[in-house]
PDB file of N, CA and C in Angstrom:
ATOM      1  N   MET A   1     -55.041  -5.351   0.551  1.00  0.00           N
ATOM      2  CA  MET A   1     -53.641  -4.872   0.943  1.00  0.00           C
ATOM      3  C   MET A   1     -52.575  -5.991   0.733  1.00  0.00           C
ATOM      4  N   ASN A   2     -53.174  -6.949   1.597  1.00  0.00           N
ATOM      5  CA  ASN A   2     -52.429  -8.276   1.653  1.00  0.00           C
ATOM      6  C   ASN A   2     -51.950  -8.910   0.219  1.00  0.00           C
ATOM      7  N   ASP A   3     -53.211  -8.827  -0.668  1.00  0.00           N
ATOM      8  CA  ASP A   3     -53.275  -9.309  -2.078  1.00  0.00           C
ATOM      9  C   ASP A   3     -51.904  -8.507  -2.745  1.00  0.00           C
ATOM     10  N   LEU A   4     -51.908  -7.213  -2.565  1.00  0.00           N
ATOM     11  CA  LEU A   4     -50.977  -6.225  -3.243  1.00  0.00           C
ATOM     12  C   LEU A   4     -49.437  -6.681  -2.669  1.00  0.00           C
ATOM     13  N   ILE A   5     -49.498  -6.788  -1.506  1.00  0.00           N
ATOM     14  CA  ILE A   5     -47.988  -7.273  -1.000  1.00  0.00           C
ATOM     15  C   ILE A   5     -47.522  -8.583  -1.682  1.00  0.00           C
ATOM     16  N   LEU A   6     -48.554  -9.591  -1.629  1.00  0.00           N
ATOM     17  CA  LEU A   6     -48.267 -10.931  -2.212  1.00  0.00           C
ATOM     18  C   LEU A   6     -47.883 -10.820  -3.747  1.00  0.00           C
ATOM     19  N   LEU A   7     -48.658  -9.894  -4.489  1.00  0.00           N
ATOM     20  CA  LEU A   7     -48.456  -9.795  -5.892  1.00  0.00           C
ATOM     21  C   LEU A   7     -47.024  -9.097  -6.151  1.00  0.00           C
ATOM     22  N   ALA A   8     -46.722  -8.121  -5.285  1.00  0.00           N
ATOM     23  CA  ALA A   8     -45.261  -7.367  -5.355  1.00  0.00           C
ATOM     24  C   ALA A   8     -44.408  -8.376  -5.055  1.00  0.00           C
ATOM     25  N   ALA A   9     -44.336  -9.311  -4.218  1.00  0.00           N
ATOM     26  CA  ALA A   9     -43.254 -10.340  -3.707  1.00  0.00           C
ATOM     27  C   ALA A   9     -43.156 -11.306  -4.836  1.00  0.00           C
ATOM     28  N   GLU A  10     -44.249 -11.871  -5.416  1.00  0.00           N
ATOM     29  CA  GLU A  10     -44.118 -12.808  -6.631  1.00  0.00           C
ATOM     30  C   GLU A  10     -43.550 -12.175  -7.846  1.00  0.00           C
ATOM     31  N   THR A  11     -43.924 -11.023  -8.010  1.00  0.00           N
ATOM     32  CA  THR A  11     -43.155 -10.160  -9.122  1.00  0.00           C
ATOM     33  C   THR A  11     -41.615 -10.204  -8.990  1.00  0.00           C
ATOM     34  N   ALA A  12     -41.204  -9.757  -7.697  1.00  0.00           N
ATOM     35  CA  ALA A  12     -39.789  -9.635  -7.439  1.00  0.00           C
ATOM     36  C   ALA A  12     -39.205 -10.885  -7.519  1.00  0.00           C
ATOM     37  N   GLU A  13     -39.831 -12.007  -7.166  1.00  0.00           N
ATOM     38  CA  GLU A  13     -39.268 -13.426  -7.173  1.00  0.00           C
ATOM     39  C   GLU A  13     -38.918 -13.760  -8.669  1.00  0.00           C
ATOM     40  N   THR A  14     -40.150 -13.420  -9.598  1.00  0.00           N
ATOM     41  CA  THR A  14     -39.888 -13.658 -10.999  1.00  0.00           C
ATOM     42  C   THR A  14     -38.685 -12.989 -11.624  1.00  0.00           C
ATOM     43  N   ALA A  15     -38.580 -11.838 -11.184  1.00  0.00           N
ATOM     44  CA  ALA A  15     -37.552 -10.923 -11.789  1.00  0.00           C
ATOM     45  C   ALA A  15     -36.411 -11.276 -11.393  1.00  0.00           C
ATOM     46  N   GLU A  16     -36.193 -11.822 -10.085  1.00  0.00           N
ATOM     47  CA  GLU A  16     -34.828 -12.140  -9.746  1.00  0.00           C
ATOM     48  C   GLU A  16     -34.617 -13.600 -10.249  1.00  0.00           C
ATOM     49  N   THR A  17     -35.234 -14.302 -10.622  1.00  0.00           N
ATOM     50  CA  THR A  17     -35.027 -15.761 -11.264  1.00  0.00           C
ATOM     51  C   THR A  17     -34.594 -15.489 -12.779  1.00  0.00           C
ATOM     52  N   GLY A  18     -35.476 -14.478 -13.332  1.00  0.00           N
ATOM     53  CA  GLY A  18     -35.004 -14.303 -14.874  1.00  0.00           C
ATOM     54  C   GLY A  18     -33.622 -13.472 -14.827  1.00  0.00           C
ATOM     55  N   GLY A  19     -33.494 -12.640 -13.867  1.00  0.00           N
ATOM     56  CA  GLY A  19     -32.397 -11.834 -13.976  1.00  0.00           C
ATOM     57  C   GLY A  19     -31.020 -12.808 -13.660  1.00  0.00           C
ATOM     58  N   GLY A  20     -31.248 -13.651 -12.900  1.00  0.00           N
ATOM     59  CA  GLY A  20     -30.351 -14.588 -12.634  1.00  0.00           C
ATOM     60  C   GLY A  20     -29.591 -15.206 -13.851  1.00  0.00           C
ATOM     61  N   SER A  21     -30.581 -15.795 -14.451  1.00  0.00           N
ATOM     62  CA  SER A  21     -30.296 -16.490 -15.655  1.00  0.00           C
ATOM     63  C   SER A  21     -29.545 -15.520 -16.995  1.00  0.00           C
ATOM     64  N   SER A  22     -29.929 -14.333 -16.668  1.00  0.00           N
ATOM     65  CA  SER A  22     -29.472 -13.448 -17.654  1.00  0.00           C
ATOM     66  C   SER A  22     -28.123 -12.923 -17.143  1.00  0.00           C
ATOM     67  N   GLN A  23     -27.827 -12.997 -15.875  1.00  0.00           N
ATOM     68  CA  GLN A  23     -26.443 -12.884 -15.267  1.00  0.00           C
ATOM     69  C   GLN A  23     -25.637 -13.828 -15.544  1.00  0.00           C
ATOM     70  N   LEU A  24     -26.185 -14.983 -15.420  1.00  0.00           N
ATOM     71  CA  LEU A  24     -25.347 -16.128 -15.934  1.00  0.00           C
ATOM     72  C   LEU A  24     -24.843 -16.374 -17.408  1.00  0.00           C
ATOM     73  N   ILE A  25     -25.699 -15.670 -18.396  1.00  0.00           N
ATOM     74  CA  ILE A  25     -25.324 -15.669 -19.622  1.00  0.00           C
ATOM     75  C   ILE A  25     -24.325 -14.710 -20.057  1.00  0.00           C
ATOM     76  N   LEU A  26     -24.591 -13.466 -19.185  1.00  0.00           N
ATOM     77  CA  LEU A  26     -23.504 -12.337 -19.424  1.00  0.00           C
ATOM     78  C   LEU A  26     -22.189 -12.739 -18.754  1.00  0.00           C
ATOM     79  N   LEU A  27     -22.184 -13.613 -17.618  1.00  0.00           N
ATOM     80  CA  LEU A  27     -20.961 -13.905 -17.312  1.00  0.00           C
ATOM     81  C   LEU A  27     -20.062 -15.090 -18.094  1.00  0.00           C
ATOM     82  N   ILE A  28     -20.899 -15.828 -18.679  1.00  0.00           N
ATOM     83  CA  ILE A  28     -20.433 -16.683 -19.867  1.00  0.00           C
ATOM     84  C   ILE A  28     -19.907 -16.010 -21.151  1.00  0.00           C
ATOM     85  N   VAL A  29     -20.542 -15.073 -21.486  1.00  0.00           N
ATOM     86  CA  VAL A  29     -19.937 -14.180 -22.763  1.00  0.00           C
ATOM     87  C   VAL A  29     -18.869 -13.493 -22.105  1.00  0.00           C
ATOM     88  N   GLN A  30     -18.761 -13.023 -21.122  1.00  0.00           N
ATOM     89  CA  GLN A  30     -17.458 -12.212 -20.561  1.00  0.00           C
ATOM     90  C   GLN A  30     -16.201 -13.041 -20.491  1.00  0.00           C
ATOM     91  N   ILE A  31     -16.616 -14.310 -19.936  1.00  0.00           N
ATOM     92  CA  ILE A  31     -15.475 -15.384 -20.035  1.00  0.00           C
ATOM     93  C   ILE A  31     -15.130 -15.878 -21.400  1.00  0.00           C
ATOM     94  N   ALA A  32     -16.006 -15.733 -22.379  1.00  0.00           N
ATOM     95  CA  ALA A  32     -15.558 -16.408 -23.686  1.00  0.00           C
ATOM     96  C   ALA A  32     -14.761 -14.930 -24.455  1.00  0.00           C
ATOM     97  N   VAL A  33     -15.142 -13.828 -24.142  1.00  0.00           N
ATOM     98  CA  VAL A  33     -14.667 -12.784 -24.534  1.00  0.00           C
ATOM     99  C   VAL A  33     -13.161 -12.599 -24.168  1.00  0.00           C
ATOM    100  N   LEU A  34     -12.917 -12.864 -22.778  1.00  0.00           N
ATOM    101  CA  LEU A  34     -11.835 -12.730 -22.186  1.00  0.00           C
ATOM    102  C   LEU A  34     -10.882 -14.054 -22.780  1.00  0.00           C
ATOM    103  N   GLY A  35     -11.271 -15.020 -22.969  1.00  0.00           N
ATOM    104  CA  GLY A  35     -10.803 -16.179 -23.533  1.00  0.00           C
ATOM    105  C   GLY A  35     -10.138 -15.945 -24.882  1.00  0.00           C
ATOM    106  N   LEU A  36     -11.001 -15.426 -25.972  1.00  0.00           N
ATOM    107  CA  LEU A  36     -10.458 -14.724 -27.365  1.00  0.00           C
ATOM    108  C   LEU A  36      -9.387 -13.737 -27.092  1.00  0.00           C
ATOM    109  N   VAL A  37      -9.671 -12.746 -26.118  1.00  0.00           N
ATOM    110  CA  VAL A  37      -8.220 -11.864 -26.208  1.00  0.00           C
ATOM    111  C   VAL A  37      -7.220 -12.769 -25.735  1.00  0.00           C
ATOM    112  N   PHE A  38      -7.264 -13.681 -24.835  1.00  0.00           N
ATOM    113  CA  PHE A  38      -5.848 -14.229 -24.247  1.00  0.00           C
ATOM    114  C   PHE A  38      -5.166 -15.039 -25.704  1.00  0.00           C
ATOM    115  N   TYR A  39      -6.414 -15.487 -26.406  1.00  0.00           N
ATOM    116  CA  TYR A  39      -5.809 -16.427 -27.646  1.00  0.00           C
ATOM    117  C   TYR A  39      -5.169 -15.543 -28.510  1.00  0.00           C
ATOM    118  N   PHE A  40      -5.999 -14.313 -29.144  1.00  0.00           N
ATOM    119  CA  PHE A  40      -5.076 -13.353 -30.055  1.00  0.00           C
ATOM    120  C   PHE A  40      -3.949 -12.858 -29.555  1.00  0.00           C
ATOM    121  N   LEU A  41      -3.907 -12.159 -28.097  1.00  0.00           N
ATOM    122  CA  LEU A  41      -2.938 -11.567 -27.841  1.00  0.00           C
ATOM    123  C   LEU A  41      -1.677 -12.371 -26.969  1.00  0.00           C
ATOM    124  N   LEU A  42      -1.724 -13.645 -26.655  1.00  0.00           N
ATOM    125  CA  LEU A  42      -0.904 -14.486 -26.232  1.00  0.00           C
ATOM    126  C   LEU A  42      -0.365 -15.786 -27.012  1.00  0.00           C
ATOM    127  N   ILE A  43      -1.633 -16.535 -27.069  1.00  0.00           N
ATOM    128  CA  ILE A  43      -1.150 -17.926 -27.709  1.00  0.00           C
ATOM    129  C   ILE A  43      -0.844 -17.872 -29.046  1.00  0.00           C
ATOM    130  N   ARG A  44      -1.709 -17.065 -29.942  1.00  0.00           N
ATOM    131  CA  ARG A  44      -1.520 -17.109 -31.464  1.00  0.00           C
ATOM    132  C   ARG A  44      -0.081 -16.668 -31.775  1.00  0.00           C
ATOM    133  N   PRO A  45       0.296 -15.511 -31.065  1.00  0.00           N
ATOM    134  CA  PRO A  45       1.643 -14.883 -31.577  1.00  0.00           C
ATOM    135  C   PRO A  45       2.793 -15.898 -31.161  1.00  0.00           C
ATOM    136  N   GLN A  46       2.635 -16.590 -30.236  1.00  0.00           N
ATOM    137  CA  GLN A  46       3.668 -17.507 -29.632  1.00  0.00           C
ATOM    138  C   GLN A  46       3.622 -18.811 -30.467  1.00  0.00           C
ATOM    139  N   LYS A  47       2.533 -19.211 -30.843  1.00  0.00           N
ATOM    140  CA  LYS A  47       2.472 -20.323 -31.978  1.00  0.00           C
ATOM    141  C   LYS A  47       3.096 -19.711 -33.251  1.00  0.00           C
ATOM    142  N   LYS A  48       2.933 -18.625 -33.630  1.00  0.00           N
ATOM    143  CA  LYS A  48       3.384 -18.088 -34.965  1.00  0.00           C
ATOM    144  C   LYS A  48       4.879 -18.065 -34.913  1.00  0.00           C
ATOM    145  N   GLN A  49       5.335 -17.448 -33.675  1.00  0.00           N
ATOM    146  CA  GLN A  49       6.788 -17.471 -33.482  1.00  0.00           C
ATOM    147  C   GLN A  49       7.466 -18.775 -33.582  1.00  0.00           C
ATOM    148  N   GLN A  50       6.832 -19.693 -32.896  1.00  0.00           N
ATOM    149  CA  GLN A  50       7.502 -20.903 -32.878  1.00  0.00           C
ATOM    150  C   GLN A  50       7.560 -21.543 -34.433  1.00  0.00           C
ATOM    151  N   LYS A  51       6.466 -21.434 -35.201  1.00  0.00           N
ATOM    152  CA  LYS A  51       6.458 -21.961 -36.575  1.00  0.00           C
ATOM    153  C   LYS A  51       7.461 -21.285 -37.371  1.00  0.00           C
ATOM    154  N   GLN A  52       7.757 -20.171 -37.110  1.00  0.00           N
ATOM    155  CA  GLN A  52       8.989 -19.367 -37.818  1.00  0.00           C
ATOM    156  C   GLN A  52      10.231 -19.885 -37.366  1.00  0.00           C
ATOM    157  N   MET A  53      10.639 -20.170 -36.052  1.00  0.00           N
ATOM    158  CA  MET A  53      11.724 -20.731 -35.415  1.00  0.00           C
ATOM    159  C   MET A  53      11.853 -22.274 -36.287  1.00  0.00           C
ATOM    160  N   ASP A  54      10.828 -22.908 -35.934  1.00  0.00           N
ATOM    161  CA  ASP A  54      10.991 -24.418 -36.706  1.00  0.00           C
ATOM    162  C   ASP A  54      11.379 -24.394 -38.155  1.00  0.00           C
ATOM    163  N   ALA A  55      10.783 -23.199 -39.038  1.00  0.00           N
ATOM    164  CA  ALA A  55      11.118 -23.145 -40.292  1.00  0.00           C
ATOM    165  C   ALA A  55      12.485 -22.751 -40.634  1.00  0.00           C
ATOM    166  N   MET A  56      12.928 -21.793 -39.673  1.00  0.00           N
ATOM    167  CA  MET A  56      14.344 -21.331 -39.935  1.00  0.00           C
ATOM    168  C   MET A  56      15.484 -22.458 -39.304  1.00  0.00           C
ATOM    169  N   LEU A  57      15.136 -23.230 -38.625  1.00  0.00           N
ATOM    170  CA  LEU A  57      16.038 -24.490 -37.894  1.00  0.00           C
ATOM    171  C   LEU A  57      15.906 -25.574 -39.137  1.00  0.00           C
ATOM    172  N   SER A  58      14.756 -25.617 -39.807  1.00  0.00           N
ATOM    173  CA  SER A  58      14.777 -26.878 -40.950  1.00  0.00           C
ATOM    174  C   SER A  58      15.469 -26.346 -41.988  1.00  0.00           C
ATOM    175  N   THR A  59      15.973 -25.204 -42.191  1.00  0.00           N
ATOM    176  CA  THR A  59      16.846 -24.917 -43.432  1.00  0.00           C
ATOM    177  C   THR A  59      18.074 -24.793 -43.101  1.00  0.00           C
ATOM    178  N   LEU A  60      18.817 -25.174 -41.794  1.00  0.00           N
ATOM    179  CA  LEU A  60      20.050 -25.039 -41.292  1.00  0.00           C
ATOM    180  C   LEU A  60      20.916 -25.917 -42.103  1.00  0.00           C
ATOM    181  N   GLU A  61      21.905 -25.445 -42.581  1.00  0.00           N
ATOM    182  CA  GLU A  61      22.923 -26.408 -43.302  1.00  0.00           C
ATOM    183  C   GLU A  61      24.405 -26.126 -42.974  1.00  0.00           C
ATOM    184  N   LYS A  62      25.282 -26.845 -43.215  1.00  0.00           N
ATOM    185  CA  LYS A  62      26.712 -26.633 -43.153  1.00  0.00           C
ATOM    186  C   LYS A  62      27.086 -25.332 -43.879  1.00  0.00           C
ATOM    187  N   GLY A  63      28.013 -24.479 -42.983  1.00  0.00           N
ATOM    188  CA  GLY A  63      28.434 -23.161 -43.533  1.00  0.00           C
ATOM    189  C   GLY A  63      27.669 -21.954 -43.130  1.00  0.00           C
ATOM    190  N   ASP A  64      26.615 -22.293 -42.444  1.00  0.00           N
ATOM    191  CA  ASP A  64      25.678 -21.087 -42.069  1.00  0.00           C
ATOM    192  C   ASP A  64      26.166 -20.654 -40.878  1.00  0.00           C
ATOM    193  N   SER A  65      26.180 -19.108 -40.897  1.00  0.00           N
ATOM    194  CA  SER A  65      26.536 -18.428 -39.875  1.00  0.00           C
ATOM    195  C   SER A  65      25.359 -18.324 -38.581  1.00  0.00           C
ATOM    196  N   VAL A  66      25.611 -18.674 -37.453  1.00  0.00           N
ATOM    197  CA  VAL A  66      24.335 -18.624 -36.275  1.00  0.00           C
ATOM    198  C   VAL A  66      24.934 -17.681 -35.330  1.00  0.00           C
ATOM    199  N   VAL A  67      23.733 -17.479 -34.565  1.00  0.00           N
ATOM    200  CA  VAL A  67      24.000 -16.880 -33.174  1.00  0.00           C
ATOM    201  C   VAL A  67      23.273 -17.639 -32.274  1.00  0.00           C
ATOM    202  N   THR A  68      23.872 -18.079 -30.996  1.00  0.00           N
ATOM    203  CA  THR A  68      23.265 -19.176 -30.058  1.00  0.00           C
ATOM    204  C   THR A  68      22.666 -18.231 -28.950  1.00  0.00           C
ATOM    205  N   THR A  69      21.645 -18.998 -28.061  1.00  0.00           N
ATOM    206  CA  THR A  69      21.052 -17.967 -27.337  1.00  0.00           C
ATOM    207  C   THR A  69      21.992 -17.460 -26.066  1.00  0.00           C
ATOM    208  N   SER A  70      23.085 -17.936 -25.995  1.00  0.00           N
ATOM    209  CA  SER A  70      24.151 -17.156 -25.118  1.00  0.00           C
ATOM    210  C   SER A  70      25.034 -16.082 -25.752  1.00  0.00           C
ATOM    211  N   GLY A  71      24.588 -15.919 -27.135  1.00  0.00           N
ATOM    212  CA  GLY A  71      25.046 -14.611 -27.719  1.00  0.00           C
ATOM    213  C   GLY A  71      26.375 -14.924 -28.529  1.00  0.00           C
ATOM    214  N   PHE A  72      26.839 -16.227 -28.459  1.00  0.00           N
ATOM    215  CA  PHE A  72      27.970 -16.550 -29.181  1.00  0.00           C
ATOM    216  C   PHE A  72      27.811 -16.608 -30.861  1.00  0.00           C
ATOM    217  N   TYR A  73      28.660 -16.214 -31.755  1.00  0.00           N
ATOM    218  CA  TYR A  73      28.540 -16.251 -33.225  1.00  0.00           C
ATOM    219  C   TYR A  73      29.346 -17.547 -33.634  1.00  0.00           C
ATOM    220  N   GLY A  74      28.892 -18.272 -34.293  1.00  0.00           N
ATOM    221  CA  GLY A  74      29.507 -19.342 -34.905  1.00  0.00           C
ATOM    222  C   GLY A  74      29.245 -19.686 -36.457  1.00  0.00           C
ATOM    223  N   VAL A  75      29.989 -20.823 -36.840  1.00  0.00           N
ATOM    224  CA  VAL A  75      29.748 -21.246 -38.230  1.00  0.00           C
ATOM    225  C   VAL A  75      29.433 -22.720 -37.983  1.00  0.00           C
ATOM    226  N   VAL A  76      28.350 -23.335 -38.609  1.00  0.00           N
ATOM    227  CA  VAL A  76      27.577 -24.784 -38.467  1.00  0.00           C
ATOM    228  C   VAL A  76      28.691 -25.565 -39.383  1.00  0.00           C
ATOM    229  N   ILE A  77      28.961 -26.486 -38.748  1.00  0.00           N
ATOM    230  CA  ILE A  77      30.135 -27.450 -39.244  1.00  0.00           C
ATOM    231  C   ILE A  77      29.449 -28.888 -39.464  1.00  0.00           C
ATOM    232  N   ASP A  78      28.471 -29.219 -38.899  1.00  0.00           N
ATOM    233  CA  ASP A  78      27.656 -30.396 -39.217  1.00  0.00           C
ATOM    234  C   ASP A  78      26.274 -30.444 -38.511  1.00  0.00           C
ATOM    235  N   VAL A  79      25.112 -30.947 -39.255  1.00  0.00           N
ATOM    236  CA  VAL A  79      23.938 -31.107 -38.735  1.00  0.00           C
ATOM    237  C   VAL A  79      23.519 -32.196 -38.663  1.00  0.00           C
ATOM    238  N   MET A  80      22.768 -32.557 -37.430  1.00  0.00           N
ATOM    239  CA  MET A  80      22.142 -34.126 -37.177  1.00  0.00           C
ATOM    240  C   MET A  80      20.724 -33.696 -36.937  1.00  0.00           C
ATOM    241  N   ASP A  81      20.219 -34.753 -36.265  1.00  0.00           N
ATOM    242  CA  ASP A  81      18.810 -34.521 -36.194  1.00  0.00           C
ATOM    243  C   ASP A  81      18.436 -33.418 -34.954  1.00  0.00           C
ATOM    244  N   GLU A  82      18.910 -33.582 -33.802  1.00  0.00           N
ATOM    245  CA  GLU A  82      18.605 -32.626 -32.820  1.00  0.00           C
ATOM    246  C   GLU A  82      19.784 -31.851 -32.361  1.00  0.00           C
ATOM    247  N   ILE A  83      21.039 -32.315 -32.890  1.00  0.00           N
ATOM    248  CA  ILE A  83      22.333 -31.777 -32.653  1.00  0.00           C
ATOM    249  C   ILE A  83      23.188 -30.981 -33.683  1.00  0.00           C
ATOM    250  N   VAL A  84      23.915 -29.792 -33.449  1.00  0.00           N
ATOM    251  CA  VAL A  84      24.291 -29.175 -34.529  1.00  0.00           C
ATOM    252  C   VAL A  84      25.799 -28.755 -33.798  1.00  0.00           C
ATOM    253  N   ILE A  85      26.743 -29.061 -34.579  1.00  0.00           N
ATOM    254  CA  ILE A  85      28.139 -28.912 -34.405  1.00  0.00           C
ATOM    255  C   ILE A  85      28.495 -27.462 -34.731  1.00  0.00           C
ATOM    256  N   VAL A  86      28.891 -26.450 -33.930  1.00  0.00           N
ATOM    257  CA  VAL A  86      29.279 -25.373 -34.245  1.00  0.00           C
ATOM    258  C   VAL A  86      30.750 -25.127 -34.120  1.00  0.00           C
ATOM    259  N   GLU A  87      31.333 -24.328 -34.930  1.00  0.00           N
ATOM    260  CA  GLU A  87      32.747 -23.791 -34.831  1.00  0.00           C
ATOM    261  C   GLU A  87      32.611 -22.352 -34.373  1.00  0.00           C
ATOM    262  N   PHE A  88      33.375 -21.964 -33.311  1.00  0.00           N
ATOM    263  CA  PHE A  88      33.248 -20.638 -32.631  1.00  0.00           C
ATOM    264  C   PHE A  88      34.863 -19.961 -32.856  1.00  0.00           C
ATOM    265  N   GLY A  89      34.747 -18.915 -33.459  1.00  0.00           N
ATOM    266  CA  GLY A  89      36.164 -17.867 -33.469  1.00  0.00           C
ATOM    267  C   GLY A  89      36.896 -18.455 -34.630  1.00  0.00           C
ATOM    268  N   ASN A  90      38.074 -17.967 -34.688  1.00  0.00           N
ATOM    269  CA  ASN A  90      39.108 -18.181 -35.772  1.00  0.00           C
ATOM    270  C   ASN A  90      39.778 -19.741 -35.403  1.00  0.00           C
ATOM    271  N   ASN A  91      39.762 -20.041 -34.100  1.00  0.00           N
ATOM    272  CA  ASN A  91      40.380 -21.470 -33.800  1.00  0.00           C
ATOM    273  C   ASN A  91      39.530 -22.645 -34.307  1.00  0.00           C
ATOM    274  N   LYS A  92      40.247 -23.159 -35.172  1.00  0.00           N
ATOM    275  CA  LYS A  92      39.300 -24.424 -35.673  1.00  0.00           C
ATOM    276  C   LYS A  92      39.206 -25.687 -34.938  1.00  0.00           C
ATOM    277  N   ASN A  93      39.938 -25.628 -33.668  1.00  0.00           N
ATOM    278  CA  ASN A  93      39.567 -26.643 -32.587  1.00  0.00           C
ATOM    279  C   ASN A  93      38.466 -26.308 -31.608  1.00  0.00           C
ATOM    280  N   CYS A  94      37.881 -25.277 -31.878  1.00  0.00           N
ATOM    281  CA  CYS A  94      36.774 -24.860 -31.011  1.00  0.00           C
ATOM    282  C   CYS A  94      35.494 -25.233 -31.501  1.00  0.00           C
ATOM    283  N   ARG A  95      35.110 -26.422 -31.634  1.00  0.00           N
ATOM    284  CA  ARG A  95      34.027 -27.007 -32.260  1.00  0.00           C
ATOM    285  C   ARG A  95      33.079 -27.467 -30.997  1.00  0.00           C
ATOM    286  N   ILE A  96      31.920 -27.170 -30.984  1.00  0.00           N
ATOM    287  CA  ILE A  96      31.111 -27.366 -29.779  1.00  0.00           C
ATOM    288  C   ILE A  96      29.745 -27.980 -30.455  1.00  0.00           C
ATOM    289  N   PRO A  97      29.423 -29.238 -29.927  1.00  0.00           N
ATOM    290  CA  PRO A  97      28.045 -29.842 -30.271  1.00  0.00           C
ATOM    291  C   PRO A  97      27.004 -29.217 -29.206  1.00  0.00           C
ATOM    292  N   MET A  98      25.689 -28.769 -29.881  1.00  0.00           N
ATOM    293  CA  MET A  98      24.841 -28.095 -29.275  1.00  0.00           C
ATOM    294  C   MET A  98      23.475 -28.374 -29.802  1.00  0.00           C
ATOM    295  N   LYS A  99      22.419 -28.262 -28.872  1.00  0.00           N
ATOM    296  CA  LYS A  99      21.016 -28.316 -29.385  1.00  0.00           C
ATOM    297  C   LYS A  99      20.543 -27.351 -30.532  1.00  0.00           C
ATOM    298  N   LYS A 100      19.962 -27.925 -31.624  1.00  0.00           N
ATOM    299  CA  LYS A 100      19.447 -26.920 -32.460  1.00  0.00           C
ATOM    300  C   LYS A 100      18.541 -25.957 -31.749  1.00  0.00           C
ATOM    301  N   ALA A 101      17.966 -26.075 -30.879  1.00  0.00           N
ATOM    302  CA  ALA A 101      16.852 -25.144 -30.082  1.00  0.00           C
ATOM    303  C   ALA A 101      17.638 -24.131 -29.612  1.00  0.00           C
ATOM    304  N   ALA A 102      19.131 -24.191 -29.422  1.00  0.00           N
ATOM    305  CA  ALA A 102      19.913 -23.113 -28.921  1.00  0.00           C
ATOM    306  C   ALA A 102      20.445 -22.007 -29.908  1.00  0.00           C
ATOM    307  N   ILE A 103      20.011 -22.120 -31.258  1.00  0.00           N
ATOM    308  CA  ILE A 103      20.134 -21.252 -32.247  1.00  0.00           C
ATOM    309  C   ILE A 103      19.031 -20.367 -32.331  1.00  0.00           C
ATOM    310  N   VAL A 104      19.412 -19.102 -32.267  1.00  0.00           N
ATOM    311  CA  VAL A 104      18.223 -17.952 -32.317  1.00  0.00           C
ATOM    312  C   VAL A 104      18.393 -17.213 -33.564  1.00  0.00           C
ATOM    313  N   GLU A 105      19.449 -16.946 -34.154  1.00  0.00           N
ATOM    314  CA  GLU A 105      19.725 -16.192 -35.585  1.00  0.00           C
ATOM    315  C   GLU A 105      20.274 -17.061 -36.645  1.00  0.00           C
ATOM    316  N   LEU A 106      20.084 -16.853 -37.801  1.00  0.00           N
ATOM    317  CA  LEU A 106      20.634 -17.857 -38.797  1.00  0.00           C
ATOM    318  C   LEU A 106      21.083 -16.882 -40.018  1.00  0.00           C
ATOM    319  N   GLU A 107      22.079 -16.962 -40.541  1.00  0.00           N
ATOM    320  CA  GLU A 107      22.394 -16.221 -41.732  1.00  0.00           C
ATOM    321  C   GLU A 107      23.090 -17.169 -42.881  1.00  0.00           C
ATOM    322  N   LYS A 108      22.526 -17.353 -43.925  1.00  0.00           N
ATOM    323  CA  LYS A 108      22.718 -18.338 -44.844  1.00  0.00           C
ATOM    324  C   LYS A 108      24.239 -17.999 -45.595  1.00  0.00           C
ATOM    325  N   ALA A 109      24.812 -19.130 -45.787  1.00  0.00           N
ATOM    326  CA  ALA A 109      26.101 -19.043 -46.328  1.00  0.00           C
ATOM    327  C   ALA A 109      26.283 -18.428 -47.606  1.00  0.00           C
ATOM    328  N   ASN A 110      25.403 -18.763 -48.427  1.00  0.00           N
ATOM    329  CA  ASN A 110      25.278 -18.142 -50.046  1.00  0.00           C
ATOM    330  C   ASN A 110      24.877 -16.767 -49.846  1.00  0.00           C
ATOM    331  N   SER A 111      24.376 -16.206 -48.872  1.00  0.00           N
ATOM    332  CA  SER A 111      24.040 -14.802 -48.871  1.00  0.00           C
ATOM    333  C   SER A 111      24.996 -13.991 -48.698  1.00  0.00           C
ATOM    334  N   GLU A 112      26.323 -14.435 -48.221  1.00  0.00           N
ATOM    335  CA  GLU A 112      27.619 -13.652 -47.920  1.00  0.00           C
ATOM    336  C   GLU A 112      28.244 -13.216 -49.407  1.00  0.00           C
ATOM    337  N   ALA A 113      27.957 -14.229 -50.336  1.00  0.00           N
ATOM    338  CA  ALA A 113      28.801 -14.227 -51.449  1.00  0.00           C
ATOM    339  C   ALA A 113      28.143 -13.143 -52.529  1.00  0.00           C
TER     340      ALA A 113
END
């Protein structure tokens, strides 16, 4: 009878240690799947949007109509490395230097013609 109890205890210990490693593998697989979901739902679309914004800002030229992050409509007067001078409204004296990153929409000047 004692031999039977010892055999059952050894079998239970073997199953627990083998089961523990399979649980660890399952946990690693779940974390990897969660990481992939985060990548495809959060990181990848953000990178794609950033590339589109960089491409848009690289084509910025004098005379283009723009919309800023604060919602102002204006016309680009001068383009430098990181700074753009934008003219707002009909008043020719309202020229404001701003960062390129503050531009959210762009309409090319030649598309109006």
